[in-house]
Amino acid sequence: MSDHVEQIEQLNLEASAQQQPTASGEVVHVEKRSTAARLGVRVGDQLLAVNGTPCQDVIDVQYYAAEDYIELTLKRDGAVITLAGARRMGQPIGAALSPPHL
Protein backbone atom coordinates (compact mmCIF):
# COMPACT_ATOMS: atom_id res chain seq x y z
CA MET A 1 0.00 0.00 0.00
CA SER A 2 2.79 2.48 0.80
CA ASP A 3 4.37 1.93 -2.65
CA HIS A 4 1.07 2.96 -4.20
CA VAL A 5 0.90 6.11 -2.04
CA GLU A 6 4.49 7.00 -2.95
CA GLN A 7 3.70 6.60 -6.66
CA ILE A 8 0.69 8.91 -6.33
CA GLU A 9 2.74 11.49 -4.45
CA GLN A 10 5.45 11.34 -7.14
CA LEU A 11 2.85 11.81 -9.89
CA ASN A 12 1.40 14.79 -8.03
CA LEU A 13 4.86 16.37 -7.73
CA GLU A 14 5.52 15.83 -11.44
CA ALA A 15 2.15 17.32 -12.40
CA SER A 16 2.76 20.32 -10.16
CA ALA A 17 6.17 20.91 -11.72
CA GLN A 18 4.66 20.78 -15.20
CA GLN A 19 2.11 23.46 -14.29
CA GLN A 20 4.79 25.94 -13.22
CA PRO A 21 5.38 28.47 -15.99
CA THR A 22 8.81 28.34 -17.59
CA ALA A 23 10.63 31.59 -18.26
CA SER A 24 11.35 32.36 -21.90
CA GLY A 25 14.32 34.43 -20.78
CA GLU A 26 15.55 36.93 -18.23
CA VAL A 27 15.37 40.64 -18.95
CA VAL A 28 18.94 41.92 -19.30
CA HIS A 29 18.18 45.42 -20.63
CA VAL A 30 15.20 47.79 -20.83
CA GLU A 31 15.35 50.68 -23.28
CA LYS A 32 14.38 54.13 -22.02
CA ARG A 33 10.94 55.37 -23.14
CA SER A 34 10.05 51.94 -24.53
CA THR A 35 6.85 49.98 -24.00
CA ALA A 36 8.68 47.76 -21.52
CA ALA A 37 9.94 50.77 -19.54
CA ARG A 38 6.49 52.36 -19.52
CA LEU A 39 4.93 49.13 -18.22
CA GLY A 40 7.52 48.82 -15.46
CA VAL A 41 9.62 45.90 -16.71
CA ARG A 42 12.92 45.65 -14.79
CA VAL A 43 16.28 44.04 -15.46
CA GLY A 44 16.20 40.65 -13.75
CA ASP A 45 12.51 39.97 -14.43
CA GLN A 46 11.82 36.58 -15.99
CA LEU A 47 9.33 36.64 -18.84
CA LEU A 48 6.75 33.85 -18.48
CA ALA A 49 4.06 34.80 -21.03
CA VAL A 50 2.95 37.47 -23.49
CA ASN A 51 -0.78 38.16 -23.80
CA GLY A 52 -1.51 35.00 -21.83
CA THR A 53 0.61 32.71 -24.02
CA PRO A 54 3.81 31.10 -22.70
CA CYS A 55 6.75 31.81 -24.99
CA GLN A 56 9.60 29.46 -25.85
CA ASP A 57 11.91 32.01 -27.49
CA VAL A 58 12.22 35.58 -28.72
CA ILE A 59 10.31 34.76 -31.91
CA ASP A 60 7.27 33.76 -29.80
CA VAL A 61 7.64 36.96 -27.77
CA GLN A 62 7.62 39.11 -30.91
CA TYR A 63 4.70 37.20 -32.43
CA TYR A 64 2.41 37.31 -29.38
CA ALA A 65 3.33 40.93 -28.60
CA ALA A 66 2.24 42.15 -32.05
CA GLU A 67 -0.93 43.72 -30.65
CA ASP A 68 -1.91 47.25 -29.66
CA TYR A 69 -2.47 46.07 -26.07
CA ILE A 70 0.17 43.97 -24.36
CA GLU A 71 0.07 41.92 -21.18
CA LEU A 72 3.37 40.59 -19.83
CA THR A 73 3.44 37.88 -17.17
CA LEU A 74 6.72 38.05 -15.29
CA LYS A 75 8.40 36.44 -12.34
CA ARG A 76 9.99 39.04 -10.08
CA ASP A 77 11.62 38.25 -6.74
CA GLY A 78 9.81 34.90 -6.64
CA ALA A 79 6.35 36.38 -7.28
CA VAL A 80 4.39 36.13 -10.53
CA ILE A 81 3.14 39.55 -11.65
CA THR A 82 1.32 40.92 -14.70
CA LEU A 83 2.09 44.25 -16.34
CA ALA A 84 -0.25 45.52 -19.05
CA GLY A 85 -0.87 48.52 -21.24
CA ALA A 86 -1.08 50.00 -24.70
CA ARG A 87 1.63 49.53 -27.29
CA ARG A 88 2.05 51.50 -30.49
CA MET A 89 1.94 49.19 -33.51
CA GLY A 90 5.36 48.64 -34.99
CA GLN A 91 7.13 49.79 -31.84
CA PRO A 92 9.43 47.14 -30.36
CA ILE A 93 8.80 46.11 -26.78
CA GLY A 94 12.20 47.48 -25.80
CA ALA A 95 13.43 44.67 -23.56
CA ALA A 96 16.40 42.44 -24.30
CA LEU A 97 16.20 38.87 -23.01
CA SER A 98 18.87 36.34 -22.20
CA PRO A 99 18.32 32.85 -23.63
CA PRO A 100 15.96 30.71 -21.52
CA HIS A 101 17.49 28.36 -18.95
CA LEU A 102 16.24 24.92 -19.90
C-alpha atoms as a PDB file:
ATOM      1  CA  MET A   1       0.000   0.000   0.000  1.00  0.00           C
ATOM      2  CA  SER A   2       2.792   2.478   0.803  1.00  0.00           C
ATOM      3  CA  ASP A   3       4.372   1.933  -2.653  1.00  0.00           C
ATOM      4  CA  HIS A   4       1.066   2.960  -4.199  1.00  0.00           C
ATOM      5  CA  VAL A   5       0.900   6.106  -2.045  1.00  0.00           C
ATOM      6  CA  GLU A   6       4.493   6.998  -2.947  1.00  0.00           C
ATOM      7  CA  GLN A   7       3.698   6.603  -6.658  1.00  0.00           C
ATOM      8  CA  ILE A   8       0.690   8.908  -6.332  1.00  0.00           C
ATOM      9  CA  GLU A   9       2.736  11.491  -4.448  1.00  0.00           C
ATOM     10  CA  GLN A  10       5.450  11.338  -7.139  1.00  0.00           C
ATOM     11  CA  LEU A  11       2.853  11.813  -9.888  1.00  0.00           C
ATOM     12  CA  ASN A  12       1.396  14.790  -8.025  1.00  0.00           C
ATOM     13  CA  LEU A  13       4.856  16.367  -7.725  1.00  0.00           C
ATOM     14  CA  GLU A  14       5.522  15.833 -11.436  1.00  0.00           C
ATOM     15  CA  ALA A  15       2.149  17.319 -12.398  1.00  0.00           C
ATOM     16  CA  SER A  16       2.760  20.321 -10.157  1.00  0.00           C
ATOM     17  CA  ALA A  17       6.175  20.913 -11.721  1.00  0.00           C
ATOM     18  CA  GLN A  18       4.662  20.782 -15.198  1.00  0.00           C
ATOM     19  CA  GLN A  19       2.114  23.463 -14.288  1.00  0.00           C
ATOM     20  CA  GLN A  20       4.788  25.942 -13.222  1.00  0.00           C
ATOM     21  CA  PRO A  21       5.378  28.474 -15.993  1.00  0.00           C
ATOM     22  CA  THR A  22       8.812  28.341 -17.589  1.00  0.00           C
ATOM     23  CA  ALA A  23      10.634  31.590 -18.261  1.00  0.00           C
ATOM     24  CA  SER A  24      11.349  32.364 -21.896  1.00  0.00           C
ATOM     25  CA  GLY A  25      14.323  34.432 -20.778  1.00  0.00           C
ATOM     26  CA  GLU A  26      15.551  36.927 -18.231  1.00  0.00           C
ATOM     27  CA  VAL A  27      15.369  40.642 -18.951  1.00  0.00           C
ATOM     28  CA  VAL A  28      18.936  41.917 -19.297  1.00  0.00           C
ATOM     29  CA  HIS A  29      18.175  45.416 -20.634  1.00  0.00           C
ATOM     30  CA  VAL A  30      15.201  47.790 -20.825  1.00  0.00           C
ATOM     31  CA  GLU A  31      15.348  50.676 -23.278  1.00  0.00           C
ATOM     32  CA  LYS A  32      14.378  54.130 -22.022  1.00  0.00           C
ATOM     33  CA  ARG A  33      10.939  55.374 -23.136  1.00  0.00           C
ATOM     34  CA  SER A  34      10.054  51.941 -24.526  1.00  0.00           C
ATOM     35  CA  THR A  35       6.847  49.984 -24.000  1.00  0.00           C
ATOM     36  CA  ALA A  36       8.684  47.758 -21.516  1.00  0.00           C
ATOM     37  CA  ALA A  37       9.942  50.768 -19.540  1.00  0.00           C
ATOM     38  CA  ARG A  38       6.491  52.364 -19.519  1.00  0.00           C
ATOM     39  CA  LEU A  39       4.928  49.130 -18.225  1.00  0.00           C
ATOM     40  CA  GLY A  40       7.519  48.822 -15.455  1.00  0.00           C
ATOM     41  CA  VAL A  41       9.618  45.898 -16.706  1.00  0.00           C
ATOM     42  CA  ARG A  42      12.921  45.649 -14.792  1.00  0.00           C
ATOM     43  CA  VAL A  43      16.276  44.039 -15.461  1.00  0.00           C
ATOM     44  CA  GLY A  44      16.203  40.647 -13.752  1.00  0.00           C
ATOM     45  CA  ASP A  45      12.514  39.973 -14.433  1.00  0.00           C
ATOM     46  CA  GLN A  46      11.822  36.580 -15.989  1.00  0.00           C
ATOM     47  CA  LEU A  47       9.335  36.639 -18.845  1.00  0.00           C
ATOM     48  CA  LEU A  48       6.748  33.853 -18.485  1.00  0.00           C
ATOM     49  CA  ALA A  49       4.064  34.798 -21.028  1.00  0.00           C
ATOM     50  CA  VAL A  50       2.948  37.474 -23.488  1.00  0.00           C
ATOM     51  CA  ASN A  51      -0.776  38.164 -23.799  1.00  0.00           C
ATOM     52  CA  GLY A  52      -1.505  35.000 -21.828  1.00  0.00           C
ATOM     53  CA  THR A  53       0.607  32.713 -24.021  1.00  0.00           C
ATOM     54  CA  PRO A  54       3.808  31.095 -22.703  1.00  0.00           C
ATOM     55  CA  CYS A  55       6.751  31.808 -24.995  1.00  0.00           C
ATOM     56  CA  GLN A  56       9.604  29.464 -25.846  1.00  0.00           C
ATOM     57  CA  ASP A  57      11.908  32.009 -27.495  1.00  0.00           C
ATOM     58  CA  VAL A  58      12.221  35.581 -28.722  1.00  0.00           C
ATOM     59  CA  ILE A  59      10.306  34.758 -31.914  1.00  0.00           C
ATOM     60  CA  ASP A  60       7.273  33.762 -29.803  1.00  0.00           C
ATOM     61  CA  VAL A  61       7.638  36.956 -27.771  1.00  0.00           C
ATOM     62  CA  GLN A  62       7.617  39.109 -30.912  1.00  0.00           C
ATOM     63  CA  TYR A  63       4.698  37.196 -32.432  1.00  0.00           C
ATOM     64  CA  TYR A  64       2.412  37.313 -29.382  1.00  0.00           C
ATOM     65  CA  ALA A  65       3.330  40.927 -28.596  1.00  0.00           C
ATOM     66  CA  ALA A  66       2.241  42.152 -32.048  1.00  0.00           C
ATOM     67  CA  GLU A  67      -0.931  43.723 -30.649  1.00  0.00           C
ATOM     68  CA  ASP A  68      -1.908  47.252 -29.664  1.00  0.00           C
ATOM     69  CA  TYR A  69      -2.468  46.074 -26.072  1.00  0.00           C
ATOM     70  CA  ILE A  70       0.170  43.970 -24.363  1.00  0.00           C
ATOM     71  CA  GLU A  71       0.072  41.924 -21.183  1.00  0.00           C
ATOM     72  CA  LEU A  72       3.367  40.586 -19.827  1.00  0.00           C
ATOM     73  CA  THR A  73       3.438  37.880 -17.171  1.00  0.00           C
ATOM     74  CA  LEU A  74       6.715  38.054 -15.287  1.00  0.00           C
ATOM     75  CA  LYS A  75       8.402  36.436 -12.337  1.00  0.00           C
ATOM     76  CA  ARG A  76       9.992  39.043 -10.080  1.00  0.00           C
ATOM     77  CA  ASP A  77      11.620  38.252  -6.740  1.00  0.00           C
ATOM     78  CA  GLY A  78       9.806  34.898  -6.639  1.00  0.00           C
ATOM     79  CA  ALA A  79       6.350  36.379  -7.276  1.00  0.00           C
ATOM     80  CA  VAL A  80       4.386  36.133 -10.526  1.00  0.00           C
ATOM     81  CA  ILE A  81       3.141  39.546 -11.650  1.00  0.00           C
ATOM     82  CA  THR A  82       1.323  40.921 -14.697  1.00  0.00           C
ATOM     83  CA  LEU A  83       2.086  44.252 -16.336  1.00  0.00           C
ATOM     84  CA  ALA A  84      -0.247  45.518 -19.051  1.00  0.00           C
ATOM     85  CA  GLY A  85      -0.866  48.524 -21.236  1.00  0.00           C
ATOM     86  CA  ALA A  86      -1.083  49.995 -24.703  1.00  0.00           C
ATOM     87  CA  ARG A  87       1.628  49.531 -27.289  1.00  0.00           C
ATOM     88  CA  ARG A  88       2.047  51.497 -30.495  1.00  0.00           C
ATOM     89  CA  MET A  89       1.941  49.192 -33.514  1.00  0.00           C
ATOM     90  CA  GLY A  90       5.357  48.643 -34.992  1.00  0.00           C
ATOM     91  CA  GLN A  91       7.129  49.792 -31.842  1.00  0.00           C
ATOM     92  CA  PRO A  92       9.428  47.144 -30.363  1.00  0.00           C
ATOM     93  CA  ILE A  93       8.797  46.113 -26.776  1.00  0.00           C
ATOM     94  CA  GLY A  94      12.204  47.481 -25.801  1.00  0.00           C
ATOM     95  CA  ALA A  95      13.433  44.666 -23.557  1.00  0.00           C
ATOM     96  CA  ALA A  96      16.403  42.436 -24.299  1.00  0.00           C
ATOM     97  CA  LEU A  97      16.205  38.869 -23.014  1.00  0.00           C
ATOM     98  CA  SER A  98      18.873  36.337 -22.204  1.00  0.00           C
ATOM     99  CA  PRO A  99      18.317  32.849 -23.626  1.00  0.00           C
ATOM    100  CA  PRO A 100      15.962  30.707 -21.515  1.00  0.00           C
ATOM    101  CA  HIS A 101      17.493  28.363 -18.945  1.00  0.00           C
ATOM    102  CA  LEU A 102      16.240  24.922 -19.899  1.00  0.00           C
END
